Amino acid sequence: MRKRVAAAANHALGTASHVLIVAHGGVFWALQHLCRSPFSSLGNCRPARLSPVGETSWQIEMLSESEV
């Protein structure tokens, strides 16, 4: 599953500068493992910003509702 999520995220990012991912927890679990940066807790409808850092890492920023 992680490989499919990585391929989909990379494809989406290759076609647009900003991508909105709305998915079930399994996709975010895969992204968390790919980012090597654990979420403290990602509840339902919790906004987060994932941004590339260099070519091999990602940064995860949990957002408040006012930032969305």
N, C-alpha and C. Protein backbone atom coordinates (compact mmCIF):
# COMPACT_ATOMS: atom_id res chain seq x y z
N MET A 1 0.83 -1.19 0.00
CA MET A 1 0.00 0.00 0.00
C MET A 1 0.87 1.25 0.00
N ARG A 2 1.97 1.23 0.76
CA ARG A 2 2.84 2.41 0.80
C ARG A 2 3.36 2.77 -0.58
N LYS A 3 3.69 1.77 -1.37
CA LYS A 3 4.20 2.04 -2.73
C LYS A 3 3.13 2.71 -3.58
N ARG A 4 1.88 2.23 -3.48
CA ARG A 4 0.79 2.83 -4.26
C ARG A 4 0.52 4.26 -3.82
N VAL A 5 0.55 4.50 -2.50
CA VAL A 5 0.33 5.86 -1.99
C VAL A 5 1.45 6.78 -2.45
N ALA A 6 2.69 6.31 -2.37
CA ALA A 6 3.83 7.12 -2.81
C ALA A 6 3.72 7.44 -4.30
N ALA A 7 3.36 6.45 -5.10
CA ALA A 7 3.24 6.68 -6.54
C ALA A 7 2.13 7.69 -6.84
N ALA A 8 1.01 7.57 -6.15
CA ALA A 8 -0.10 8.49 -6.38
C ALA A 8 0.26 9.91 -5.93
N ALA A 9 0.90 10.05 -4.78
CA ALA A 9 1.30 11.37 -4.28
C ALA A 9 2.33 12.00 -5.21
N ASN A 10 3.29 11.23 -5.66
CA ASN A 10 4.31 11.77 -6.57
C ASN A 10 3.69 12.16 -7.91
N HIS A 11 2.76 11.36 -8.40
CA HIS A 11 2.09 11.70 -9.66
C HIS A 11 1.30 13.00 -9.50
N ALA A 12 0.55 13.11 -8.41
CA ALA A 12 -0.25 14.32 -8.18
C ALA A 12 0.65 15.55 -8.06
N LEU A 13 1.74 15.42 -7.34
CA LEU A 13 2.65 16.55 -7.17
C LEU A 13 3.39 16.89 -8.46
N GLY A 14 3.49 15.92 -9.35
CA GLY A 14 4.13 16.19 -10.64
C GLY A 14 3.23 16.95 -11.60
N THR A 15 1.94 17.03 -11.28
CA THR A 15 1.01 17.71 -12.17
C THR A 15 0.47 19.02 -11.60
N ALA A 16 0.72 19.28 -10.30
CA ALA A 16 0.21 20.50 -9.67
C ALA A 16 1.14 20.90 -8.53
N SER A 17 1.18 22.17 -8.23
CA SER A 17 2.06 22.63 -7.15
C SER A 17 1.46 22.39 -5.77
N HIS A 18 0.13 22.33 -5.69
CA HIS A 18 -0.56 22.06 -4.43
C HIS A 18 -1.57 20.94 -4.67
N VAL A 19 -1.61 19.99 -3.76
CA VAL A 19 -2.50 18.84 -3.91
C VAL A 19 -3.28 18.67 -2.62
N LEU A 20 -4.58 18.45 -2.75
CA LEU A 20 -5.43 18.16 -1.61
C LEU A 20 -5.70 16.66 -1.61
N ILE A 21 -5.37 16.01 -0.50
CA ILE A 21 -5.63 14.58 -0.36
C ILE A 21 -6.71 14.40 0.70
N VAL A 22 -7.80 13.82 0.30
CA VAL A 22 -8.89 13.49 1.22
C VAL A 22 -9.01 11.98 1.16
N ALA A 23 -8.70 11.31 2.28
CA ALA A 23 -8.64 9.86 2.24
C ALA A 23 -8.89 9.27 3.62
N HIS A 24 -8.99 7.97 3.66
CA HIS A 24 -9.16 7.29 4.93
C HIS A 24 -7.82 7.19 5.65
N GLY A 25 -7.85 6.76 6.90
CA GLY A 25 -6.66 6.74 7.73
C GLY A 25 -5.53 5.89 7.19
N GLY A 26 -5.83 4.85 6.42
CA GLY A 26 -4.77 4.00 5.87
C GLY A 26 -3.82 4.75 4.96
N VAL A 27 -4.35 5.68 4.19
CA VAL A 27 -3.50 6.48 3.30
C VAL A 27 -2.58 7.37 4.13
N PHE A 28 -3.12 7.97 5.17
CA PHE A 28 -2.27 8.83 6.00
C PHE A 28 -1.28 8.02 6.83
N TRP A 29 -1.64 6.80 7.18
CA TRP A 29 -0.69 5.91 7.84
C TRP A 29 0.49 5.66 6.90
N ALA A 30 0.20 5.38 5.63
CA ALA A 30 1.26 5.15 4.64
C ALA A 30 2.11 6.40 4.46
N LEU A 31 1.46 7.57 4.36
CA LEU A 31 2.22 8.82 4.22
C LEU A 31 3.11 9.06 5.44
N GLN A 32 2.60 8.75 6.62
CA GLN A 32 3.39 8.92 7.85
C GLN A 32 4.66 8.08 7.77
N HIS A 33 4.54 6.84 7.34
CA HIS A 33 5.71 5.97 7.24
C HIS A 33 6.65 6.41 6.14
N LEU A 34 6.10 6.92 5.05
CA LEU A 34 6.95 7.42 3.97
C LEU A 34 7.69 8.69 4.39
N CYS A 35 7.05 9.50 5.22
CA CYS A 35 7.66 10.75 5.66
C CYS A 35 8.68 10.53 6.77
N ARG A 36 8.60 9.40 7.41
CA ARG A 36 9.46 9.11 8.57
C ARG A 36 9.33 10.21 9.62
N SER A 37 8.14 10.72 9.76
CA SER A 37 7.86 11.78 10.72
C SER A 37 6.49 11.50 11.31
N PRO A 38 6.44 10.94 12.50
CA PRO A 38 5.15 10.47 13.04
C PRO A 38 4.17 11.59 13.36
N PHE A 39 2.90 11.31 13.12
CA PHE A 39 1.84 12.20 13.57
C PHE A 39 1.66 11.94 15.06
N SER A 40 1.35 12.97 15.81
CA SER A 40 1.04 12.73 17.22
C SER A 40 -0.27 11.95 17.30
N SER A 41 -1.27 12.42 16.63
CA SER A 41 -2.55 11.74 16.51
C SER A 41 -3.30 12.42 15.39
N LEU A 42 -3.76 11.66 14.47
CA LEU A 42 -4.47 12.23 13.34
C LEU A 42 -5.90 11.72 13.39
N GLY A 43 -6.77 12.50 14.03
CA GLY A 43 -8.16 12.12 14.15
C GLY A 43 -8.93 12.38 12.88
N ASN A 44 -10.19 12.02 12.88
CA ASN A 44 -11.04 12.26 11.72
C ASN A 44 -11.12 13.75 11.41
N CYS A 45 -11.06 14.06 10.13
CA CYS A 45 -11.18 15.44 9.65
C CYS A 45 -10.13 16.37 10.24
N ARG A 46 -8.95 15.88 10.44
CA ARG A 46 -7.86 16.69 10.98
C ARG A 46 -6.99 17.19 9.84
N PRO A 47 -6.94 18.50 9.61
CA PRO A 47 -6.13 19.01 8.49
C PRO A 47 -4.63 18.95 8.81
N ALA A 48 -3.87 18.57 7.81
CA ALA A 48 -2.41 18.52 7.95
C ALA A 48 -1.80 18.95 6.62
N ARG A 49 -0.65 19.59 6.68
CA ARG A 49 0.07 20.00 5.47
C ARG A 49 1.34 19.16 5.39
N LEU A 50 1.52 18.47 4.30
CA LEU A 50 2.73 17.70 4.06
C LEU A 50 3.50 18.42 2.96
N SER A 51 4.73 18.77 3.24
CA SER A 51 5.54 19.53 2.28
C SER A 51 6.86 18.82 2.05
N PRO A 52 7.30 18.76 0.79
CA PRO A 52 8.60 18.14 0.53
C PRO A 52 9.74 18.99 1.09
N VAL A 53 10.73 18.29 1.61
CA VAL A 53 11.96 18.93 2.11
C VAL A 53 13.10 18.22 1.38
N GLY A 54 13.69 18.90 0.43
CA GLY A 54 14.70 18.24 -0.38
C GLY A 54 14.04 17.23 -1.31
N GLU A 55 14.81 16.21 -1.69
CA GLU A 55 14.29 15.23 -2.63
C GLU A 55 13.84 13.94 -1.97
N THR A 56 14.15 13.75 -0.68
CA THR A 56 13.84 12.46 -0.08
C THR A 56 13.06 12.55 1.23
N SER A 57 12.76 13.73 1.71
CA SER A 57 12.07 13.87 2.99
C SER A 57 10.83 14.74 2.86
N TRP A 58 9.96 14.60 3.83
CA TRP A 58 8.75 15.40 3.90
C TRP A 58 8.59 15.95 5.30
N GLN A 59 7.94 17.09 5.38
CA GLN A 59 7.62 17.71 6.66
C GLN A 59 6.11 17.65 6.86
N ILE A 60 5.68 17.30 8.08
CA ILE A 60 4.26 17.24 8.39
C ILE A 60 3.93 18.33 9.39
N GLU A 61 2.95 19.16 9.04
CA GLU A 61 2.52 20.26 9.91
C GLU A 61 1.02 20.09 10.18
N MET A 62 0.67 19.91 11.44
CA MET A 62 -0.74 19.81 11.80
C MET A 62 -1.32 21.22 11.80
N LEU A 63 -2.48 21.42 11.19
CA LEU A 63 -3.08 22.74 11.04
C LEU A 63 -4.30 22.87 11.95
N SER A 64 -4.58 24.12 12.31
CA SER A 64 -5.82 24.39 13.02
C SER A 64 -6.90 24.64 11.98
N GLU A 65 -8.14 24.59 12.39
CA GLU A 65 -9.23 24.81 11.43
C GLU A 65 -9.18 26.20 10.81
N SER A 66 -8.65 27.19 11.53
CA SER A 66 -8.59 28.55 11.00
C SER A 66 -7.55 28.69 9.89
N GLU A 67 -6.62 27.75 9.78
CA GLU A 67 -5.57 27.80 8.76
C GLU A 67 -5.98 27.12 7.46
N VAL A 68 -7.12 26.48 7.44
CA VAL A 68 -7.54 25.72 6.27
C VAL A 68 -8.25 26.60 5.28
